[in-house]
């Protein structure tokens, strides 16, 4: 007597395929959301690193620097400023924190990942500010600038110490997730994530 064949029937194969389809349909949105969250965190972490680079270059080259963020274009860069350059050498250099006539952009212009958007004032949703921040930049400026003096300390466009507990820039993605980059009065760049379920900011 021969052994029975152990082949799958068409119905069994269809059931397996249908089950896999249901599992995939449930898993794909979660994976997509995770990827979008990772891209959001990655963008602001990169910007935080660029702020640290600007601080170090300002102190090492004894020249003011700034980080430029274009909210509308979704770009950012670091720029060396006039410092001690006289206006007789460059007509734009009327103050230490002015930009050269031909902007001295270092490391090129960076672009945020698709779907991520900057905001220079707190987006709707969060009911508080991250970290030590007590207020947003006046007028929600675009472009948004973060200045560093020759000691690498964060300052305003006139070289004065920051107020409002430091400065902050926000970023959102297509899922409504919100991250924030803060630069404290001491110059520390930190990335935060808003947790709507807990109604608070968490440091990343």
N, C-alpha and C. Protein backbone atom coordinates (compact mmCIF):
# COMPACT_ATOMS: atom_id res chain seq x y z
N UNK A 1 0.86 -1.19 0.00
CA UNK A 1 0.00 0.00 0.00
C UNK A 1 0.90 1.24 0.00
N UNK A 2 0.71 2.14 -0.94
CA UNK A 2 1.57 3.32 -1.08
C UNK A 2 1.26 4.40 -0.06
N UNK A 3 2.25 5.22 0.19
CA UNK A 3 2.06 6.33 1.12
C UNK A 3 1.18 7.41 0.49
N UNK A 4 0.45 8.13 1.33
CA UNK A 4 -0.40 9.21 0.84
C UNK A 4 0.45 10.38 0.38
N UNK A 5 0.01 11.03 -0.65
CA UNK A 5 0.68 12.26 -1.08
C UNK A 5 0.44 13.35 -0.04
N UNK A 6 1.46 14.13 0.21
CA UNK A 6 1.33 15.20 1.20
C UNK A 6 1.35 16.58 0.52
N UNK A 7 0.60 16.77 -0.52
CA UNK A 7 0.54 18.04 -1.24
C UNK A 7 -0.56 18.93 -0.64
N UNK A 8 -0.38 20.28 -0.80
CA UNK A 8 -1.40 21.22 -0.36
C UNK A 8 -2.48 21.34 -1.43
N UNK A 9 -3.71 21.47 -0.98
CA UNK A 9 -4.79 21.70 -1.94
C UNK A 9 -4.83 23.18 -2.29
N UNK A 10 -5.53 23.52 -3.34
CA UNK A 10 -5.66 24.92 -3.77
C UNK A 10 -6.30 25.76 -2.69
N UNK A 11 -7.29 25.20 -2.01
CA UNK A 11 -7.99 25.94 -0.95
C UNK A 11 -7.03 26.25 0.20
N UNK A 12 -6.20 25.26 0.57
CA UNK A 12 -5.24 25.50 1.64
C UNK A 12 -4.24 26.60 1.27
N UNK A 13 -3.76 26.58 0.03
CA UNK A 13 -2.83 27.61 -0.43
C UNK A 13 -3.48 29.00 -0.40
N UNK A 14 -4.72 29.05 -0.84
CA UNK A 14 -5.44 30.33 -0.83
C UNK A 14 -5.64 30.86 0.59
N UNK A 15 -5.91 29.94 1.52
CA UNK A 15 -6.08 30.35 2.92
C UNK A 15 -4.77 30.91 3.48
N UNK A 16 -3.65 30.26 3.16
CA UNK A 16 -2.35 30.74 3.61
C UNK A 16 -2.06 32.11 3.03
N UNK A 17 -2.28 32.28 1.73
CA UNK A 17 -2.04 33.57 1.07
C UNK A 17 -2.92 34.66 1.67
N UNK A 18 -4.21 34.33 1.93
CA UNK A 18 -5.12 35.31 2.51
C UNK A 18 -4.67 35.72 3.91
N UNK A 19 -4.21 34.74 4.70
CA UNK A 19 -3.73 35.03 6.05
C UNK A 19 -2.51 35.95 6.01
N UNK A 20 -1.57 35.63 5.10
CA UNK A 20 -0.38 36.48 4.95
C UNK A 20 -0.76 37.89 4.52
N UNK A 21 -1.77 37.98 3.65
CA UNK A 21 -2.24 39.29 3.19
C UNK A 21 -2.81 40.12 4.31
N UNK A 22 -3.59 39.48 5.20
CA UNK A 22 -4.17 40.18 6.35
C UNK A 22 -3.06 40.67 7.29
N UNK A 23 -2.08 39.78 7.55
CA UNK A 23 -0.97 40.15 8.44
C UNK A 23 -0.18 41.32 7.85
N UNK A 24 0.08 41.26 6.53
CA UNK A 24 0.82 42.34 5.88
C UNK A 24 0.05 43.65 5.94
N UNK A 25 -1.27 43.57 5.71
CA UNK A 25 -2.11 44.78 5.74
C UNK A 25 -2.09 45.43 7.12
N UNK A 26 -1.98 44.60 8.16
CA UNK A 26 -1.95 45.13 9.52
C UNK A 26 -0.56 45.69 9.86
N UNK A 27 0.48 45.06 9.31
CA UNK A 27 1.84 45.44 9.68
C UNK A 27 2.38 46.64 8.90
N UNK A 28 1.99 46.76 7.63
CA UNK A 28 2.56 47.80 6.78
C UNK A 28 2.35 49.21 7.33
N UNK A 29 1.14 49.60 7.75
CA UNK A 29 0.99 50.97 8.29
C UNK A 29 1.90 51.24 9.49
N UNK A 30 2.05 50.23 10.36
CA UNK A 30 2.91 50.39 11.52
C UNK A 30 4.37 50.60 11.10
N UNK A 31 4.80 49.83 10.10
CA UNK A 31 6.17 49.96 9.62
C UNK A 31 6.38 51.33 8.97
N UNK A 32 5.40 51.76 8.17
CA UNK A 32 5.49 53.06 7.50
C UNK A 32 5.58 54.19 8.53
N UNK A 33 4.74 54.11 9.58
CA UNK A 33 4.77 55.13 10.63
C UNK A 33 6.11 55.15 11.35
N UNK A 34 6.66 53.95 11.59
CA UNK A 34 7.95 53.86 12.26
C UNK A 34 9.05 54.50 11.42
N UNK A 35 9.00 54.24 10.11
CA UNK A 35 10.00 54.82 9.21
C UNK A 35 9.88 56.33 9.18
N UNK A 36 8.65 56.84 9.11
CA UNK A 36 8.45 58.28 9.10
C UNK A 36 8.93 58.92 10.40
N UNK A 37 8.68 58.24 11.53
CA UNK A 37 9.17 58.75 12.80
C UNK A 37 10.68 58.78 12.85
N UNK A 38 11.30 57.73 12.33
CA UNK A 38 12.76 57.67 12.30
C UNK A 38 13.32 58.81 11.45
N UNK A 39 12.68 59.07 10.29
CA UNK A 39 13.15 60.13 9.40
C UNK A 39 13.03 61.50 10.08
N UNK A 40 11.95 61.69 10.84
CA UNK A 40 11.75 62.95 11.56
C UNK A 40 12.85 63.15 12.60
N UNK A 41 13.07 62.12 13.42
CA UNK A 41 14.10 62.22 14.46
C UNK A 41 15.48 62.41 13.84
N UNK A 42 15.72 61.72 12.72
CA UNK A 42 17.02 61.80 12.06
C UNK A 42 17.31 63.21 11.56
N UNK A 43 16.30 63.87 10.98
CA UNK A 43 16.50 65.22 10.46
C UNK A 43 16.91 66.19 11.57
N UNK A 44 16.19 66.17 12.69
CA UNK A 44 16.52 67.13 13.75
C UNK A 44 17.81 66.76 14.47
N UNK A 45 18.13 65.47 14.52
CA UNK A 45 19.41 65.07 15.11
C UNK A 45 20.57 65.58 14.26
N UNK A 46 20.39 65.54 12.93
CA UNK A 46 21.41 66.07 12.02
C UNK A 46 21.56 67.58 12.21
N UNK A 47 20.43 68.27 12.36
CA UNK A 47 20.48 69.72 12.58
C UNK A 47 21.15 70.04 13.92
N UNK A 48 20.88 69.24 14.95
CA UNK A 48 21.53 69.43 16.25
C UNK A 48 23.04 69.27 16.12
N UNK A 49 23.47 68.28 15.34
CA UNK A 49 24.91 68.08 15.12
C UNK A 49 25.52 69.27 14.40
N UNK A 50 24.75 69.84 13.45
CA UNK A 50 25.25 71.01 12.71
C UNK A 50 25.39 72.22 13.64
N UNK A 51 24.50 72.34 14.60
CA UNK A 51 24.60 73.43 15.59
C UNK A 51 25.89 73.28 16.40
N UNK A 52 26.20 72.06 16.76
CA UNK A 52 27.45 71.81 17.51
C UNK A 52 28.68 72.12 16.67
N UNK A 53 28.60 71.81 15.37
CA UNK A 53 29.70 72.13 14.47
C UNK A 53 29.87 73.65 14.38
N UNK A 54 28.77 74.37 14.26
CA UNK A 54 28.82 75.84 14.18
C UNK A 54 29.44 76.42 15.45
N UNK A 55 29.08 75.89 16.61
CA UNK A 55 29.65 76.35 17.88
C UNK A 55 31.17 76.16 17.90
N UNK A 56 31.59 74.96 17.49
CA UNK A 56 33.03 74.66 17.52
C UNK A 56 33.80 75.52 16.54
N UNK A 57 33.25 75.74 15.36
CA UNK A 57 33.94 76.57 14.37
C UNK A 57 34.00 78.02 14.81
N UNK A 58 32.92 78.50 15.42
CA UNK A 58 32.92 79.89 15.91
C UNK A 58 34.04 80.09 16.93
N UNK A 59 34.18 79.14 17.85
CA UNK A 59 35.20 79.27 18.89
C UNK A 59 36.61 79.05 18.34
N UNK A 60 36.75 78.09 17.43
CA UNK A 60 38.10 77.78 16.93
C UNK A 60 38.60 78.82 15.93
N UNK A 61 37.69 79.44 15.17
CA UNK A 61 38.10 80.43 14.18
C UNK A 61 37.92 81.86 14.68
N UNK A 62 37.44 82.00 15.91
CA UNK A 62 37.20 83.31 16.52
C UNK A 62 36.41 84.22 15.57
N UNK A 63 35.30 83.65 15.08
CA UNK A 63 34.41 84.39 14.18
C UNK A 63 32.98 83.95 14.47
N UNK A 64 32.03 84.88 14.46
CA UNK A 64 30.64 84.48 14.69
C UNK A 64 30.14 83.57 13.56
N UNK A 65 29.29 82.66 13.91
CA UNK A 65 28.64 81.77 12.94
C UNK A 65 27.15 81.78 13.20
N UNK A 66 26.41 81.34 12.18
CA UNK A 66 24.99 81.13 12.41
C UNK A 66 24.53 79.90 11.65
N UNK A 67 23.46 79.30 12.16
CA UNK A 67 22.79 78.21 11.46
C UNK A 67 21.54 78.81 10.83
N UNK A 68 21.41 78.66 9.52
CA UNK A 68 20.26 79.21 8.79
C UNK A 68 19.25 78.09 8.52
N UNK A 69 18.00 78.34 8.88
CA UNK A 69 16.94 77.37 8.61
C UNK A 69 15.87 78.06 7.78
N UNK A 70 15.63 77.54 6.57
CA UNK A 70 14.54 78.06 5.74
C UNK A 70 13.31 77.21 6.00
N UNK A 71 12.35 77.80 6.66
CA UNK A 71 11.12 77.07 7.00
C UNK A 71 10.37 76.68 5.73
N UNK A 72 10.24 77.62 4.80
CA UNK A 72 9.47 77.38 3.58
C UNK A 72 10.14 76.35 2.67
N UNK A 73 11.46 76.45 2.53
CA UNK A 73 12.17 75.58 1.60
C UNK A 73 12.57 74.24 2.22
N UNK A 74 12.57 74.15 3.56
CA UNK A 74 12.99 72.92 4.21
C UNK A 74 14.48 72.67 4.06
N UNK A 75 15.28 73.73 4.21
CA UNK A 75 16.73 73.60 4.09
C UNK A 75 17.42 74.20 5.31
N UNK A 76 18.69 73.84 5.50
CA UNK A 76 19.48 74.43 6.58
C UNK A 76 20.95 74.40 6.21
N UNK A 77 21.70 75.32 6.81
CA UNK A 77 23.13 75.44 6.50
C UNK A 77 23.83 76.18 7.63
N UNK A 78 25.17 76.12 7.64
CA UNK A 78 25.94 76.92 8.58
C UNK A 78 26.71 77.99 7.80
N UNK A 79 26.82 79.15 8.39
CA UNK A 79 27.40 80.30 7.68
C UNK A 79 28.35 81.06 8.60
N UNK A 80 29.52 81.35 8.08
CA UNK A 80 30.48 82.19 8.80
C UNK A 80 30.08 83.65 8.58
N UNK A 81 30.12 84.46 9.63
CA UNK A 81 29.70 85.86 9.56
C UNK A 81 30.91 86.80 9.57
N UNK A 82 30.64 88.08 9.42
CA UNK A 82 31.71 89.07 9.20
C UNK A 82 32.74 89.12 10.31
N UNK A 83 32.29 89.09 11.57
CA UNK A 83 33.26 89.18 12.66
C UNK A 83 34.03 90.49 12.61
N UNK A 84 35.37 90.39 12.52
CA UNK A 84 36.22 91.59 12.52
C UNK A 84 36.45 92.19 11.14
N UNK A 85 35.83 91.63 10.11
CA UNK A 85 36.01 92.16 8.77
C UNK A 85 35.42 93.57 8.67
N UNK A 86 36.21 94.51 8.21
CA UNK A 86 35.76 95.90 8.14
C UNK A 86 34.84 96.12 6.95
N UNK A 87 33.98 97.14 7.06
CA UNK A 87 33.05 97.45 5.97
C UNK A 87 33.81 97.97 4.75
N UNK A 88 35.03 98.45 4.95
CA UNK A 88 35.85 98.90 3.81
C UNK A 88 36.31 97.70 2.97
N UNK A 89 36.35 96.54 3.59
CA UNK A 89 36.72 95.31 2.88
C UNK A 89 35.50 94.67 2.24
N UNK A 90 34.39 94.65 2.98
CA UNK A 90 33.12 94.12 2.48
C UNK A 90 32.02 95.05 2.94
N UNK A 91 31.35 95.68 2.01
CA UNK A 91 30.33 96.68 2.34
C UNK A 91 29.21 96.17 3.22
N UNK A 92 28.97 94.86 3.23
CA UNK A 92 27.91 94.28 4.06
C UNK A 92 28.32 94.18 5.53
N UNK A 93 29.61 94.25 5.79
CA UNK A 93 30.12 94.00 7.14
C UNK A 93 30.01 95.24 8.02
N UNK A 94 28.78 95.63 8.31
CA UNK A 94 28.53 96.79 9.18
C UNK A 94 28.45 96.39 10.64
N UNK A 95 28.43 95.09 10.91
CA UNK A 95 28.47 94.59 12.29
C UNK A 95 29.08 93.19 12.26
N UNK A 96 29.51 92.72 13.43
CA UNK A 96 30.14 91.40 13.51
C UNK A 96 29.19 90.29 13.10
N UNK A 97 27.88 90.50 13.30
CA UNK A 97 26.90 89.44 13.04
C UNK A 97 26.20 89.61 11.70
N UNK A 98 26.74 90.47 10.84
CA UNK A 98 26.22 90.61 9.48
C UNK A 98 26.82 89.52 8.60
N UNK A 99 26.12 89.21 7.52
CA UNK A 99 26.62 88.21 6.56
C UNK A 99 27.47 88.89 5.50
N UNK A 100 28.45 88.17 4.98
CA UNK A 100 29.25 88.70 3.89
C UNK A 100 28.37 88.94 2.66
N UNK A 101 28.84 89.83 1.77
CA UNK A 101 28.09 90.09 0.53
C UNK A 101 27.86 88.79 -0.23
N UNK A 102 28.91 87.98 -0.33
CA UNK A 102 28.76 86.62 -0.86
C UNK A 102 28.74 85.69 0.35
N UNK A 103 27.57 85.12 0.67
CA UNK A 103 27.47 84.31 1.89
C UNK A 103 28.53 83.22 1.97
N UNK A 104 29.16 83.12 3.13
CA UNK A 104 30.20 82.12 3.35
C UNK A 104 29.56 80.86 3.96
N UNK A 105 28.88 80.11 3.10
CA UNK A 105 28.19 78.89 3.53
C UNK A 105 29.19 77.74 3.55
N UNK A 106 29.27 77.04 4.68
CA UNK A 106 30.20 75.92 4.80
C UNK A 106 29.43 74.60 4.79
N UNK A 107 30.00 73.61 4.14
CA UNK A 107 29.42 72.25 4.07
C UNK A 107 28.15 72.18 3.23
N UNK A 108 27.84 73.23 2.49
CA UNK A 108 26.69 73.20 1.58
C UNK A 108 25.36 73.32 2.29
N UNK A 109 24.32 73.36 1.48
CA UNK A 109 22.94 73.45 1.99
C UNK A 109 22.35 72.05 2.12
N UNK A 110 21.76 71.77 3.27
CA UNK A 110 21.16 70.46 3.54
C UNK A 110 19.64 70.57 3.38
N UNK A 111 19.04 69.46 2.93
CA UNK A 111 17.59 69.40 2.74
C UNK A 111 16.97 68.40 3.69
N UNK A 112 15.80 68.75 4.25
CA UNK A 112 15.11 67.79 5.12
C UNK A 112 14.52 66.69 4.25
N UNK A 113 14.26 65.54 4.86
CA UNK A 113 13.70 64.41 4.14
C UNK A 113 12.25 64.69 3.75
N UNK A 114 11.81 64.07 2.68
CA UNK A 114 10.47 64.31 2.15
C UNK A 114 9.41 64.03 3.22
N UNK A 115 8.46 64.94 3.34
CA UNK A 115 7.38 64.79 4.30
C UNK A 115 7.60 65.51 5.61
N UNK A 116 8.84 65.96 5.87
CA UNK A 116 9.15 66.69 7.10
C UNK A 116 9.09 68.20 6.84
N UNK A 117 8.57 68.94 7.81
CA UNK A 117 8.35 70.37 7.65
C UNK A 117 8.81 71.13 8.89
N UNK A 118 9.56 72.21 8.68
CA UNK A 118 9.99 73.07 9.79
C UNK A 118 8.85 73.99 10.23
N UNK A 119 8.93 74.46 11.48
CA UNK A 119 8.07 75.53 11.99
C UNK A 119 8.90 76.31 13.00
N UNK A 120 8.90 77.64 12.89
CA UNK A 120 9.68 78.45 13.82
C UNK A 120 8.87 78.86 15.04
N UNK A 121 7.57 78.53 15.06
CA UNK A 121 6.74 78.71 16.24
C UNK A 121 6.02 77.40 16.54
N UNK A 122 5.64 77.20 17.76
CA UNK A 122 5.07 75.94 18.22
C UNK A 122 3.83 75.55 17.41
N UNK A 123 3.82 74.36 16.81
CA UNK A 123 2.66 73.91 16.06
C UNK A 123 1.47 73.65 16.99
N UNK A 124 0.29 73.53 16.41
CA UNK A 124 -0.88 73.20 17.22
C UNK A 124 -0.72 71.78 17.75
N UNK A 125 -1.12 71.57 18.97
CA UNK A 125 -0.99 70.26 19.60
C UNK A 125 -0.30 70.36 20.94
N UNK A 126 1.03 70.62 20.94
CA UNK A 126 1.73 70.73 22.23
C UNK A 126 1.20 71.89 23.08
N UNK A 127 0.98 71.61 24.35
CA UNK A 127 0.49 72.64 25.26
C UNK A 127 1.57 73.30 26.07
N UNK A 128 2.83 72.94 25.79
CA UNK A 128 3.95 73.51 26.54
C UNK A 128 5.17 73.58 25.64
N UNK A 129 6.21 74.23 26.14
CA UNK A 129 7.47 74.33 25.40
C UNK A 129 8.44 73.25 25.87
N UNK A 130 9.35 72.83 25.00
CA UNK A 130 10.31 71.80 25.40
C UNK A 130 11.46 72.36 26.23
N UNK A 131 11.95 71.55 27.17
CA UNK A 131 13.14 71.91 27.94
C UNK A 131 12.98 73.20 28.71
N UNK A 132 13.98 74.09 28.55
CA UNK A 132 14.01 75.35 29.30
C UNK A 132 13.31 76.49 28.55
N UNK A 133 12.77 76.22 27.38
CA UNK A 133 12.18 77.27 26.54
C UNK A 133 10.91 77.81 27.18
N UNK A 134 10.76 79.14 27.16
CA UNK A 134 9.57 79.78 27.73
C UNK A 134 8.74 80.52 26.68
N UNK A 135 9.29 80.70 25.46
CA UNK A 135 8.55 81.38 24.40
C UNK A 135 9.23 81.11 23.06
N UNK A 136 8.46 81.28 21.98
CA UNK A 136 9.01 81.11 20.63
C UNK A 136 9.67 82.39 20.15
N UNK A 137 10.37 82.27 19.03
CA UNK A 137 10.97 83.45 18.40
C UNK A 137 9.87 84.43 18.00
N UNK A 138 10.12 85.71 18.20
CA UNK A 138 9.13 86.75 17.92
C UNK A 138 8.77 86.76 16.44
N UNK A 139 7.49 86.68 16.14
CA UNK A 139 7.02 86.80 14.76
C UNK A 139 7.17 85.55 13.91
N UNK A 140 7.54 84.43 14.51
CA UNK A 140 7.71 83.17 13.76
C UNK A 140 8.51 83.40 12.49
N UNK A 141 9.79 83.78 12.60
CA UNK A 141 10.57 84.21 11.43
C UNK A 141 10.88 83.09 10.43
N UNK A 142 11.00 83.48 9.20
CA UNK A 142 11.46 82.60 8.12
C UNK A 142 12.27 83.47 7.15
N UNK A 143 13.58 83.29 7.03
CA UNK A 143 14.37 82.22 7.65
C UNK A 143 14.57 82.41 9.16
N UNK A 144 14.88 81.30 9.79
CA UNK A 144 15.14 81.25 11.22
C UNK A 144 16.65 81.11 11.41
N UNK A 145 17.25 81.92 12.29
CA UNK A 145 18.70 81.89 12.48
C UNK A 145 19.07 81.57 13.92
N UNK A 146 20.12 80.77 14.09
CA UNK A 146 20.71 80.51 15.40
C UNK A 146 22.13 81.03 15.34
N UNK A 147 22.44 82.04 16.16
CA UNK A 147 23.75 82.69 16.14
C UNK A 147 24.65 82.17 17.26
N UNK A 148 25.96 82.12 16.98
CA UNK A 148 26.95 81.74 17.98
C UNK A 148 28.08 82.76 17.96
N UNK A 149 28.48 83.22 19.15
CA UNK A 149 29.56 84.21 19.21
C UNK A 149 30.93 83.53 19.17
N UNK A 150 31.98 84.31 19.31
CA UNK A 150 33.34 83.78 19.15
C UNK A 150 33.76 82.84 20.29
N UNK A 151 32.94 82.73 21.31
CA UNK A 151 33.19 81.75 22.37
C UNK A 151 32.33 80.50 22.18
N UNK A 152 31.52 80.52 21.11
CA UNK A 152 30.64 79.38 20.84
C UNK A 152 29.34 79.43 21.63
N UNK A 153 29.05 80.57 22.26
CA UNK A 153 27.81 80.70 23.03
C UNK A 153 26.68 81.18 22.12
N UNK A 154 25.46 80.69 22.31
CA UNK A 154 24.34 81.15 21.49
C UNK A 154 23.94 82.57 21.87
N UNK A 155 23.68 83.40 20.86
CA UNK A 155 23.33 84.80 21.07
C UNK A 155 22.25 85.19 20.06
N UNK A 156 21.74 86.41 20.19
CA UNK A 156 20.81 86.91 19.19
C UNK A 156 21.60 87.58 18.06
N UNK A 157 20.91 88.18 17.11
CA UNK A 157 21.56 88.74 15.93
C UNK A 157 22.44 89.95 16.23
N UNK A 158 22.34 90.49 17.45
CA UNK A 158 23.19 91.61 17.85
C UNK A 158 24.31 91.17 18.79
N UNK A 159 24.38 89.86 19.06
CA UNK A 159 25.42 89.34 19.94
C UNK A 159 25.05 89.35 21.42
N UNK A 160 23.77 89.63 21.72
CA UNK A 160 23.32 89.63 23.11
C UNK A 160 22.92 88.22 23.55
N UNK A 161 23.05 87.92 24.86
CA UNK A 161 22.63 86.60 25.34
C UNK A 161 21.16 86.34 25.02
N UNK A 162 20.83 85.08 24.80
CA UNK A 162 19.46 84.71 24.47
C UNK A 162 18.54 84.92 25.66
N UNK A 163 17.27 85.18 25.37
CA UNK A 163 16.23 85.23 26.40
C UNK A 163 15.30 84.03 26.17
N UNK A 164 14.20 83.97 26.88
CA UNK A 164 13.18 82.92 26.72
C UNK A 164 13.73 81.51 26.98
N UNK A 165 14.81 81.42 27.75
CA UNK A 165 15.34 80.11 28.07
C UNK A 165 16.12 79.44 26.95
N UNK A 166 16.43 80.19 25.91
CA UNK A 166 17.13 79.64 24.75
C UNK A 166 16.32 79.84 23.50
N UNK A 167 16.53 78.99 22.51
CA UNK A 167 15.79 79.10 21.26
C UNK A 167 15.35 77.72 20.79
N UNK A 168 14.32 77.69 19.96
CA UNK A 168 13.73 76.41 19.55
C UNK A 168 13.24 76.46 18.11
N UNK A 169 13.39 75.35 17.40
CA UNK A 169 12.81 75.16 16.07
C UNK A 169 12.08 73.82 16.07
N UNK A 170 10.93 73.75 15.41
CA UNK A 170 10.10 72.56 15.43
C UNK A 170 10.10 71.89 14.06
N UNK A 171 9.72 70.60 14.06
CA UNK A 171 9.56 69.87 12.81
C UNK A 171 8.41 68.88 12.95
N UNK A 172 7.58 68.81 11.91
CA UNK A 172 6.46 67.86 11.91
C UNK A 172 6.56 66.96 10.68
N UNK A 173 5.86 65.82 10.73
CA UNK A 173 5.80 64.94 9.55
C UNK A 173 4.35 64.72 9.13
N UNK A 174 4.16 63.85 8.12
CA UNK A 174 2.81 63.64 7.57
C UNK A 174 1.86 63.03 8.57
N UNK A 175 2.38 62.36 9.58
CA UNK A 175 1.53 61.70 10.58
C UNK A 175 1.19 62.62 11.75
N UNK A 176 1.67 63.86 11.69
CA UNK A 176 1.39 64.79 12.78
C UNK A 176 2.33 64.65 13.96
N UNK A 177 3.38 63.83 13.80
CA UNK A 177 4.39 63.74 14.87
C UNK A 177 5.17 65.05 14.93
N UNK A 178 5.55 65.46 16.12
CA UNK A 178 6.24 66.73 16.31
C UNK A 178 7.53 66.52 17.11
N UNK A 179 8.63 67.00 16.57
CA UNK A 179 9.90 67.04 17.27
C UNK A 179 10.32 68.49 17.43
N UNK A 180 11.24 68.74 18.33
CA UNK A 180 11.76 70.10 18.53
C UNK A 180 13.25 70.03 18.80
N UNK A 181 13.97 71.01 18.29
CA UNK A 181 15.38 71.17 18.59
C UNK A 181 15.53 72.42 19.44
N UNK A 182 16.09 72.28 20.64
CA UNK A 182 16.32 73.44 21.49
C UNK A 182 17.81 73.69 21.62
N UNK A 183 18.18 74.95 21.72
CA UNK A 183 19.54 75.35 22.06
C UNK A 183 19.42 76.15 23.34
N UNK A 184 20.00 75.63 24.41
CA UNK A 184 19.87 76.25 25.73
C UNK A 184 20.74 77.50 25.83
N UNK A 185 20.58 78.24 26.92
CA UNK A 185 21.39 79.44 27.13
C UNK A 185 22.88 79.11 27.19
N UNK A 186 23.19 77.90 27.62
CA UNK A 186 24.59 77.47 27.68
C UNK A 186 25.11 76.90 26.38
N UNK A 187 24.21 76.73 25.39
CA UNK A 187 24.64 76.25 24.07
C UNK A 187 24.36 74.80 23.78
N UNK A 188 23.77 74.07 24.73
CA UNK A 188 23.50 72.65 24.50
C UNK A 188 22.35 72.47 23.51
N UNK A 189 22.58 71.69 22.45
CA UNK A 189 21.54 71.39 21.46
C UNK A 189 20.89 70.06 21.83
N UNK A 190 19.57 70.07 22.00
CA UNK A 190 18.83 68.86 22.41
C UNK A 190 17.65 68.65 21.49
N UNK A 191 17.34 67.38 21.23
CA UNK A 191 16.18 67.01 20.41
C UNK A 191 15.09 66.45 21.32
N UNK A 192 13.86 66.91 21.09
CA UNK A 192 12.72 66.51 21.90
C UNK A 192 11.62 65.95 21.02
N UNK A 193 10.81 65.06 21.58
CA UNK A 193 9.64 64.50 20.88
C UNK A 193 8.39 64.76 21.73
N UNK A 194 7.33 65.25 21.06
CA UNK A 194 6.08 65.50 21.76
C UNK A 194 5.27 64.21 21.83
N UNK A 195 4.85 63.85 23.03
CA UNK A 195 4.02 62.67 23.25
C UNK A 195 2.60 63.11 23.54
N UNK A 196 1.68 62.99 22.56
CA UNK A 196 0.32 63.47 22.78
C UNK A 196 -0.41 62.69 23.87
N UNK A 197 -0.10 61.41 24.03
CA UNK A 197 -0.80 60.61 25.05
C UNK A 197 -0.42 61.07 26.45
N UNK A 198 0.83 61.45 26.64
CA UNK A 198 1.27 61.93 27.95
C UNK A 198 1.26 63.43 28.08
N UNK A 199 0.95 64.12 26.97
CA UNK A 199 0.90 65.58 26.93
C UNK A 199 2.18 66.21 27.48
N UNK A 200 3.32 65.71 27.00
CA UNK A 200 4.59 66.30 27.43
C UNK A 200 5.70 66.00 26.42
N UNK A 201 6.78 66.76 26.56
CA UNK A 201 7.96 66.58 25.72
C UNK A 201 8.91 65.59 26.37
N UNK A 202 9.50 64.74 25.54
CA UNK A 202 10.50 63.81 26.02
C UNK A 202 11.82 64.07 25.30
N UNK A 203 12.92 64.13 26.05
CA UNK A 203 14.23 64.32 25.43
C UNK A 203 14.64 63.02 24.76
N UNK A 204 15.21 63.15 23.53
CA UNK A 204 15.62 61.95 22.80
C UNK A 204 17.12 61.71 23.02
